[in-house]
C-alpha atoms as a PDB file:
ATOM      1  CA  MET A   1     102.781 109.139 103.437  1.00  0.00           C
ATOM      2  CA  CYS A   2     101.647 112.741 103.085  1.00  0.00           C
ATOM      3  CA  ASN A   3     104.219 115.104 104.595  1.00  0.00           C
ATOM      4  CA  LEU A   4     103.350 118.256 102.663  1.00  0.00           C
ATOM      5  CA  TYR A   5     100.061 119.994 101.906  1.00  0.00           C
ATOM      6  CA  ASN A   6      98.865 123.440 100.899  1.00  0.00           C
ATOM      7  CA  ILE A   7      96.055 125.709 102.057  1.00  0.00           C
ATOM      8  CA  THR A   8      94.887 128.417  99.664  1.00  0.00           C
ATOM      9  CA  THR A   9      91.676 129.734 101.168  1.00  0.00           C
ATOM     10  CA  SER A  10      90.339 132.171 103.768  1.00  0.00           C
ATOM     11  CA  GLN A  11      89.614 131.756 107.446  1.00  0.00           C
ATOM     12  CA  GLU A  12      86.015 132.735 106.755  1.00  0.00           C
ATOM     13  CA  ALA A  13      85.651 129.887 104.251  1.00  0.00           C
ATOM     14  CA  ILE A  14      86.970 127.399 106.831  1.00  0.00           C
ATOM     15  CA  ARG A  15      84.629 128.741 109.526  1.00  0.00           C
ATOM     16  CA  GLN A  16      81.614 128.654 107.231  1.00  0.00           C
ATOM     17  CA  PHE A  17      82.308 125.089 106.069  1.00  0.00           C
ATOM     18  CA  THR A  18      82.853 123.681 109.562  1.00  0.00           C
ATOM     19  CA  GLY A  19      80.549 125.824 111.696  1.00  0.00           C
ATOM     20  CA  ALA A  20      83.451 127.053 113.847  1.00  0.00           C
ATOM     21  CA  LEU A  21      82.166 129.839 116.070  1.00  0.00           C
ATOM     22  CA  ARG A  22      85.483 130.868 117.588  1.00  0.00           C
ATOM     23  CA  ASP A  23      88.695 131.779 115.778  1.00  0.00           C
ATOM     24  CA  ILE A  24      91.987 131.873 117.712  1.00  0.00           C
ATOM     25  CA  LEU A  25      94.136 131.176 114.656  1.00  0.00           C
ATOM     26  CA  GLY A  26      95.599 134.620 114.079  1.00  0.00           C
ATOM     27  CA  ASN A  27      96.160 135.622 110.456  1.00  0.00           C
ATOM     28  CA  LEU A  28      96.143 132.856 107.851  1.00  0.00           C
ATOM     29  CA  GLU A  29      98.387 133.547 104.869  1.00  0.00           C
ATOM     30  CA  PRO A  30      96.574 133.519 101.484  1.00  0.00           C
ATOM     31  CA  SER A  31      98.553 130.430 100.456  1.00  0.00           C
ATOM     32  CA  ILE A  32     100.819 128.371 102.669  1.00  0.00           C
ATOM     33  CA  ASP A  33     102.668 125.062 102.421  1.00  0.00           C
ATOM     34  CA  ILE A  34     102.577 123.027 105.638  1.00  0.00           C
ATOM     35  CA  TYR A  35     105.461 120.693 106.505  1.00  0.00           C
ATOM     36  CA  PRO A  36     105.912 118.362 109.524  1.00  0.00           C
ATOM     37  CA  ASN A  37     106.583 120.094 112.838  1.00  0.00           C
ATOM     38  CA  GLN A  38     105.225 123.381 111.496  1.00  0.00           C
ATOM     39  CA  PHE A  39     102.040 125.109 112.593  1.00  0.00           C
ATOM     40  CA  GLY A  40      98.827 124.578 110.669  1.00  0.00           C
ATOM     41  CA  PRO A  41      95.151 125.445 111.200  1.00  0.00           C
ATOM     42  CA  VAL A  42      92.701 122.861 112.502  1.00  0.00           C
ATOM     43  CA  VAL A  43      89.061 122.979 113.597  1.00  0.00           C
ATOM     44  CA  ARG A  44      88.491 121.205 116.910  1.00  0.00           C
ATOM     45  CA  ASN A  45      86.070 120.838 119.786  1.00  0.00           C
ATOM     46  CA  ALA A  46      87.467 122.998 122.591  1.00  0.00           C
ATOM     47  CA  SER A  47      87.229 121.992 126.250  1.00  0.00           C
ATOM     48  CA  ASP A  48      84.284 124.368 126.808  1.00  0.00           C
ATOM     49  CA  GLY A  49      82.293 122.756 123.977  1.00  0.00           C
ATOM     50  CA  GLN A  50      82.893 125.503 121.434  1.00  0.00           C
ATOM     51  CA  ARG A  51      84.025 124.563 117.952  1.00  0.00           C
ATOM     52  CA  GLU A  52      87.107 126.638 117.232  1.00  0.00           C
ATOM     53  CA  LEU A  53      89.678 127.322 114.558  1.00  0.00           C
ATOM     54  CA  ALA A  54      93.154 127.098 116.094  1.00  0.00           C
ATOM     55  CA  ASN A  55      96.832 126.908 115.135  1.00  0.00           C
ATOM     56  CA  LEU A  56      98.550 123.656 116.167  1.00  0.00           C
ATOM     57  CA  ARG A  57     101.869 121.962 115.419  1.00  0.00           C
ATOM     58  CA  TRP A  58     101.847 119.078 112.941  1.00  0.00           C
ATOM     59  CA  GLY A  59     102.986 115.761 114.404  1.00  0.00           C
ATOM     60  CA  MET A  60     101.232 113.757 117.133  1.00  0.00           C
ATOM     61  CA  PRO A  61     103.193 112.184 120.021  1.00  0.00           C
ATOM     62  CA  THR A  62     104.992 109.076 118.776  1.00  0.00           C
ATOM     63  CA  PRO A  63     104.468 105.765 120.617  1.00  0.00           C
ATOM     64  CA  VAL A  64     107.208 105.551 123.257  1.00  0.00           C
ATOM     65  CA  GLU A  65     108.590 102.302 121.881  1.00  0.00           C
ATOM     66  CA  ARG A  66     109.173 103.975 118.505  1.00  0.00           C
ATOM     67  CA  VAL A  67     110.903 107.148 119.697  1.00  0.00           C
ATOM     68  CA  ARG A  68     114.569 107.261 118.732  1.00  0.00           C
ATOM     69  CA  GLY A  69     116.928 109.511 120.646  1.00  0.00           C
ATOM     70  CA  ASN A  70     116.090 112.235 123.155  1.00  0.00           C
ATOM     71  CA  SER A  71     113.396 114.052 121.189  1.00  0.00           C
ATOM     72  CA  ASP A  72     110.126 113.253 119.453  1.00  0.00           C
ATOM     73  CA  PRO A  73     109.693 115.029 116.102  1.00  0.00           C
ATOM     74  CA  GLY A  74     106.122 113.702 115.945  1.00  0.00           C
ATOM     75  CA  THR A  75     103.995 111.301 113.917  1.00  0.00           C
ATOM     76  CA  THR A  76     102.227 113.081 111.062  1.00  0.00           C
ATOM     77  CA  ASN A  77     100.054 110.262 109.668  1.00  0.00           C
ATOM     78  CA  ILE A  78      98.004 107.729 111.662  1.00  0.00           C
ATOM     79  CA  ARG A  79      97.054 104.504 109.898  1.00  0.00           C
ATOM     80  CA  ASN A  80      96.000 102.173 112.726  1.00  0.00           C
ATOM     81  CA  PRO A  81      93.781 103.850 115.363  1.00  0.00           C
ATOM     82  CA  GLN A  82      93.220 100.421 116.963  1.00  0.00           C
ATOM     83  CA  TYR A  83      96.845 100.470 118.114  1.00  0.00           C
ATOM     84  CA  GLY A  84      96.889 100.987 121.871  1.00  0.00           C
ATOM     85  CA  HIS A  85      98.789 104.287 121.768  1.00  0.00           C
ATOM     86  CA  TRP A  86      96.186 105.946 119.527  1.00  0.00           C
ATOM     87  CA  GLN A  87      93.111 104.760 121.421  1.00  0.00           C
ATOM     88  CA  GLN A  88      93.505 107.563 123.967  1.00  0.00           C
ATOM     89  CA  TYR A  89      92.970 110.121 121.185  1.00  0.00           C
ATOM     90  CA  VAL A  90      89.936 108.796 119.280  1.00  0.00           C
ATOM     91  CA  GLY A  91      87.253 110.406 121.484  1.00  0.00           C
ATOM     92  CA  VAL A  92      85.327 113.476 120.370  1.00  0.00           C
ATOM     93  CA  GLU A  93      87.452 115.719 122.583  1.00  0.00           C
ATOM     94  CA  ASN A  94      90.578 114.805 120.581  1.00  0.00           C
ATOM     95  CA  ARG A  95      89.207 114.833 117.060  1.00  0.00           C
ATOM     96  CA  CYS A  96      89.748 117.677 114.608  1.00  0.00           C
ATOM     97  CA  VAL A  97      89.527 118.410 110.909  1.00  0.00           C
ATOM     98  CA  VAL A  98      92.462 119.805 108.950  1.00  0.00           C
ATOM     99  CA  PRO A  99      91.694 122.261 106.099  1.00  0.00           C
ATOM    100  CA  VAL A 100      93.534 121.614 102.852  1.00  0.00           C
ATOM    101  CA  THR A 101      93.244 122.548  99.191  1.00  0.00           C
ATOM    102  CA  SER A 102      95.971 120.261  97.787  1.00  0.00           C
ATOM    103  CA  PHE A 103      98.492 117.734  99.070  1.00  0.00           C
ATOM    104  CA  ALA A 104     101.715 116.232  97.777  1.00  0.00           C
ATOM    105  CA  GLU A 105     103.263 112.799  97.391  1.00  0.00           C
ATOM    106  CA  PRO A 106     106.856 112.341  96.155  1.00  0.00           C
ATOM    107  CA  SER A 107     107.270 110.858  92.710  1.00  0.00           C
ATOM    108  CA  PRO A 108     108.223 107.164  92.787  1.00  0.00           C
ATOM    109  CA  THR A 109     110.407 107.647  89.691  1.00  0.00           C
ATOM    110  CA  PRO A 110     114.091 107.874  90.695  1.00  0.00           C
ATOM    111  CA  GLY A 111     114.863 110.422  87.979  1.00  0.00           C
ATOM    112  CA  ASP A 112     112.242 112.932  89.159  1.00  0.00           C
ATOM    113  CA  LYS A 113     114.681 114.993  91.248  1.00  0.00           C
ATOM    114  CA  ASP A 114     115.276 118.693  91.386  1.00  0.00           C
ATOM    115  CA  PRO A 115     118.693 119.101  89.707  1.00  0.00           C
ATOM    116  CA  GLU A 116     119.729 121.844  92.132  1.00  0.00           C
ATOM    117  CA  THR A 117     118.613 120.347  95.455  1.00  0.00           C
ATOM    118  CA  GLY A 118     118.477 116.641  94.673  1.00  0.00           C
ATOM    119  CA  ILE A 119     115.071 116.487  96.353  1.00  0.00           C
ATOM    120  CA  GLN A 120     112.452 114.246  94.812  1.00  0.00           C
ATOM    121  CA  ARG A 121     109.758 116.234  93.011  1.00  0.00           C
ATOM    122  CA  ASN A 122     106.100 115.877  93.980  1.00  0.00           C
ATOM    123  CA  TYR A 123     102.759 114.998  92.517  1.00  0.00           C
ATOM    124  CA  TRP A 124     100.042 117.328  93.828  1.00  0.00           C
ATOM    125  CA  PHE A 125      96.435 116.210  94.339  1.00  0.00           C
ATOM    126  CA  ALA A 126      93.262 118.282  94.773  1.00  0.00           C
ATOM    127  CA  ARG A 127      89.506 117.906  94.411  1.00  0.00           C
ATOM    128  CA  ASN A 128      89.672 119.516  90.971  1.00  0.00           C
ATOM    129  CA  GLU A 129      91.737 122.033  89.036  1.00  0.00           C
ATOM    130  CA  ASP A 130      90.223 124.926  91.009  1.00  0.00           C
ATOM    131  CA  ARG A 131      91.555 123.399  94.253  1.00  0.00           C
ATOM    132  CA  PRO A 132      88.468 123.881  96.431  1.00  0.00           C
ATOM    133  CA  LEU A 133      88.561 123.457 100.197  1.00  0.00           C
ATOM    134  CA  PHE A 134      88.285 120.000 101.749  1.00  0.00           C
ATOM    135  CA  PHE A 135      89.535 118.443 104.984  1.00  0.00           C
ATOM    136  CA  PHE A 136      91.629 115.640 106.442  1.00  0.00           C
ATOM    137  CA  ALA A 137      90.155 113.667 109.352  1.00  0.00           C
ATOM    138  CA  GLY A 138      92.512 114.473 112.217  1.00  0.00           C
ATOM    139  CA  LEU A 139      93.370 113.969 115.867  1.00  0.00           C
ATOM    140  CA  TRP A 140      94.915 116.475 118.270  1.00  0.00           C
ATOM    141  CA  THR A 141      96.249 116.614 121.833  1.00  0.00           C
ATOM    142  CA  PRO A 142      98.121 118.824 124.296  1.00  0.00           C
ATOM    143  CA  TRP A 143     101.576 117.400 125.008  1.00  0.00           C
ATOM    144  CA  HIS A 144     104.616 118.108 127.168  1.00  0.00           C
ATOM    145  CA  GLY A 145     107.938 116.897 125.861  1.00  0.00           C
ATOM    146  CA  VAL A 146     111.014 117.537 123.749  1.00  0.00           C
ATOM    147  CA  ARG A 147     110.414 118.380 120.105  1.00  0.00           C
ATOM    148  CA  LYS A 148     113.973 119.538 119.422  1.00  0.00           C
ATOM    149  CA  VAL A 149     116.859 118.741 121.763  1.00  0.00           C
ATOM    150  CA  LYS A 150     118.331 122.246 121.458  1.00  0.00           C
ATOM    151  CA  ASP A 151     115.030 123.764 122.636  1.00  0.00           C
ATOM    152  CA  GLY A 152     114.498 121.437 125.605  1.00  0.00           C
ATOM    153  CA  PRO A 153     111.086 120.348 126.947  1.00  0.00           C
ATOM    154  CA  GLY A 154     107.994 122.441 126.351  1.00  0.00           C
ATOM    155  CA  ASP A 155     104.215 122.471 126.162  1.00  0.00           C
ATOM    156  CA  PHE A 156     102.643 121.913 122.752  1.00  0.00           C
ATOM    157  CA  GLU A 157      99.314 121.390 121.045  1.00  0.00           C
ATOM    158  CA  LEU A 158      99.795 118.791 118.329  1.00  0.00           C
ATOM    159  CA  TYR A 159      97.786 117.280 115.501  1.00  0.00           C
ATOM    160  CA  GLY A 160      98.029 114.571 112.874  1.00  0.00           C
ATOM    161  CA  PHE A 161      95.611 113.029 110.415  1.00  0.00           C
ATOM    162  CA  MET A 162      94.298 109.628 109.496  1.00  0.00           C
ATOM    163  CA  THR A 163      95.375 107.625 106.473  1.00  0.00           C
ATOM    164  CA  THR A 164      93.851 104.638 104.716  1.00  0.00           C
ATOM    165  CA  ALA A 165      94.395 102.428 101.669  1.00  0.00           C
ATOM    166  CA  PRO A 166      95.074 104.465  98.482  1.00  0.00           C
ATOM    167  CA  ASN A 167      92.572 104.751  95.648  1.00  0.00           C
ATOM    168  CA  ALA A 168      93.350 104.002  92.010  1.00  0.00           C
ATOM    169  CA  LEU A 169      94.684 107.519  91.351  1.00  0.00           C
ATOM    170  CA  ILE A 170      97.166 107.593  94.225  1.00  0.00           C
ATOM    171  CA  LYS A 171      98.275 103.955  94.389  1.00  0.00           C
ATOM    172  CA  PRO A 172     100.730 104.154  91.448  1.00  0.00           C
ATOM    173  CA  ILE A 173     102.430 107.077  93.197  1.00  0.00           C
ATOM    174  CA  HIS A 174     102.101 105.989  96.834  1.00  0.00           C
ATOM    175  CA  GLU A 175     101.113 102.354  97.088  1.00  0.00           C
ATOM    176  CA  LYS A 176     100.698 102.179 100.868  1.00  0.00           C
ATOM    177  CA  ALA A 177      98.341 104.956 101.946  1.00  0.00           C
ATOM    178  CA  MET A 178      96.408 108.151 101.287  1.00  0.00           C
ATOM    179  CA  PRO A 179      94.901 110.705 103.702  1.00  0.00           C
ATOM    180  CA  VAL A 180      91.325 110.239 104.904  1.00  0.00           C
ATOM    181  CA  ILE A 181      89.485 113.065 103.167  1.00  0.00           C
ATOM    182  CA  LEU A 182      86.212 114.708 104.188  1.00  0.00           C
ATOM    183  CA  THR A 183      84.409 116.661 101.494  1.00  0.00           C
ATOM    184  CA  THR A 184      80.943 117.404 102.930  1.00  0.00           C
ATOM    185  CA  GLN A 185      79.603 119.186 105.984  1.00  0.00           C
ATOM    186  CA  GLU A 186      77.832 115.959 106.978  1.00  0.00           C
ATOM    187  CA  GLU A 187      81.127 114.075 107.071  1.00  0.00           C
ATOM    188  CA  ILE A 188      82.702 116.823 109.169  1.00  0.00           C
ATOM    189  CA  GLU A 189      79.802 116.692 111.646  1.00  0.00           C
ATOM    190  CA  THR A 190      80.145 112.934 111.931  1.00  0.00           C
ATOM    191  CA  TRP A 191      83.877 113.097 112.509  1.00  0.00           C
ATOM    192  CA  LEU A 192      83.630 115.842 115.121  1.00  0.00           C
ATOM    193  CA  THR A 193      80.551 114.664 117.010  1.00  0.00           C
ATOM    194  CA  ALA A 194      79.756 110.969 116.503  1.00  0.00           C
ATOM    195  CA  ALA A 195      80.716 108.127 118.805  1.00  0.00           C
ATOM    196  CA  TRP A 196      83.876 106.365 117.692  1.00  0.00           C
ATOM    197  CA  PRO A 197      82.171 103.268 116.210  1.00  0.00           C
ATOM    198  CA  GLU A 198      80.350 105.595 113.793  1.00  0.00           C
ATOM    199  CA  ALA A 199      83.162 108.076 113.196  1.00  0.00           C
ATOM    200  CA  LYS A 200      85.741 105.404 112.373  1.00  0.00           C
ATOM    201  CA  LYS A 201      83.679 104.354 109.336  1.00  0.00           C
ATOM    202  CA  LEU A 202      85.016 107.524 107.673  1.00  0.00           C
ATOM    203  CA  GLN A 203      88.484 105.980 107.605  1.00  0.00           C
ATOM    204  CA  ARG A 204      87.897 104.606 104.135  1.00  0.00           C
ATOM    205  CA  THR A 205      89.444 104.897 100.711  1.00  0.00           C
ATOM    206  CA  ALA A 206      88.171 107.897  98.759  1.00  0.00           C
ATOM    207  CA  PRO A 207      86.283 107.178  95.511  1.00  0.00           C
ATOM    208  CA  HIS A 208      88.594 106.914  92.528  1.00  0.00           C
ATOM    209  CA  ASP A 209      87.222 110.157  91.060  1.00  0.00           C
ATOM    210  CA  ALA A 210      87.376 112.139  94.325  1.00  0.00           C
ATOM    211  CA  LEU A 211      90.749 113.693  93.443  1.00  0.00           C
ATOM    212  CA  VAL A 212      92.720 114.749  90.387  1.00  0.00           C
ATOM    213  CA  ILE A 213      96.403 115.384  89.787  1.00  0.00           C
ATOM    214  CA  VAL A 214      96.888 119.144  89.518  1.00  0.00           C
ATOM    215  CA  GLU A 215     100.690 119.173  89.277  1.00  0.00           C
ATOM    216  CA  LYS A 216     103.231 116.522  88.343  1.00  0.00           C
ATOM    217  CA  PRO A 217     107.025 116.445  88.159  1.00  0.00           C
ATOM    218  CA  ALA A 218     108.432 118.081  85.070  1.00  0.00           C
ATOM    219  CA  THR A 219     109.614 115.386  82.672  1.00  0.00           C
ATOM    220  CA  GLN A 220     112.665 115.888  80.529  1.00  0.00           C
ATOM    221  CA  ILE A 221     111.615 116.190  76.906  1.00  0.00           C
ATOM    222  CA  LYS A 222     114.066 114.951  74.308  1.00  0.00           C
ATOM    223  CA  MET A 223     114.080 117.566  71.569  1.00  0.00           C
ATOM    224  CA  PRO A 224     114.286 116.331  67.962  1.00  0.00           C
ATOM    225  CA  GLN A 225     117.682 116.703  66.368  1.00  0.00           C
ATOM    226  CA  ARG A 226     118.110 119.157  63.516  1.00  0.00           C
ATOM    227  CA  ALA A 227     120.929 119.910  61.133  1.00  0.00           C
ATOM    228  CA  PRO A 228     123.368 122.505  62.505  1.00  0.00           C
ATOM    229  CA  THR A 229     123.418 125.930  60.908  1.00  0.00           C
ATOM    230  CA  GLN A 230     126.397 128.192  60.408  1.00  0.00           C
ATOM    231  CA  GLY A 231     127.425 129.711  63.696  1.00  0.00           C
ATOM    232  CA  SER A 232     125.565 127.134  65.763  1.00  0.00           C
ATOM    233  CA  LEU A 233     127.359 125.657  68.763  1.00  0.00           C
ATOM    234  CA  PHE A 234     125.599 122.286  68.303  1.00  0.00           C
END
């Protein structure tokens, strides 16, 4: 499940790729990591029909039966749009595309932990070593509710993105799913404008050569032993 991705591009590049005519994003940092419940840019169809670049919070409303406690931190990844809860969001008015240049999956190897934090290190995936712009197929919605108990109820605009079965590159690292990626302007047009029976065909596994690993956890290298010299501590 992808819960971290990076954007290293310009707002102009996103607008040009998607045909967004309106930009209400604010200033996009040159490079930014996006985590769940943080704000990230999306391109959506606004209520007046304009295609716009906006800043939304990552994590769609969770199905009521799966909410634990008095707050909903959100659902970042959506695997089964046929599930009743998600059907209300699959229309054109609730679809969006999420710009990304690379995304992370935690290493499945138990020893791949940061020695200082204890957090599992990540594999990072991109289109190629240059990390060009591509997109996740997403959904968005306005929502009123409690994101954090200490903050109380509020009004939010939320997004999440679709996942599907992993390809051969990702499966050894995350065997259950990968994000639905869109790499062409034609795919973006289909996702943002087509009727659902046509758009849902894009929820498919990416070709095995669609992505490469651009970063992997540092592996401990066992140095060859050598005879100690005078004054050496080892």
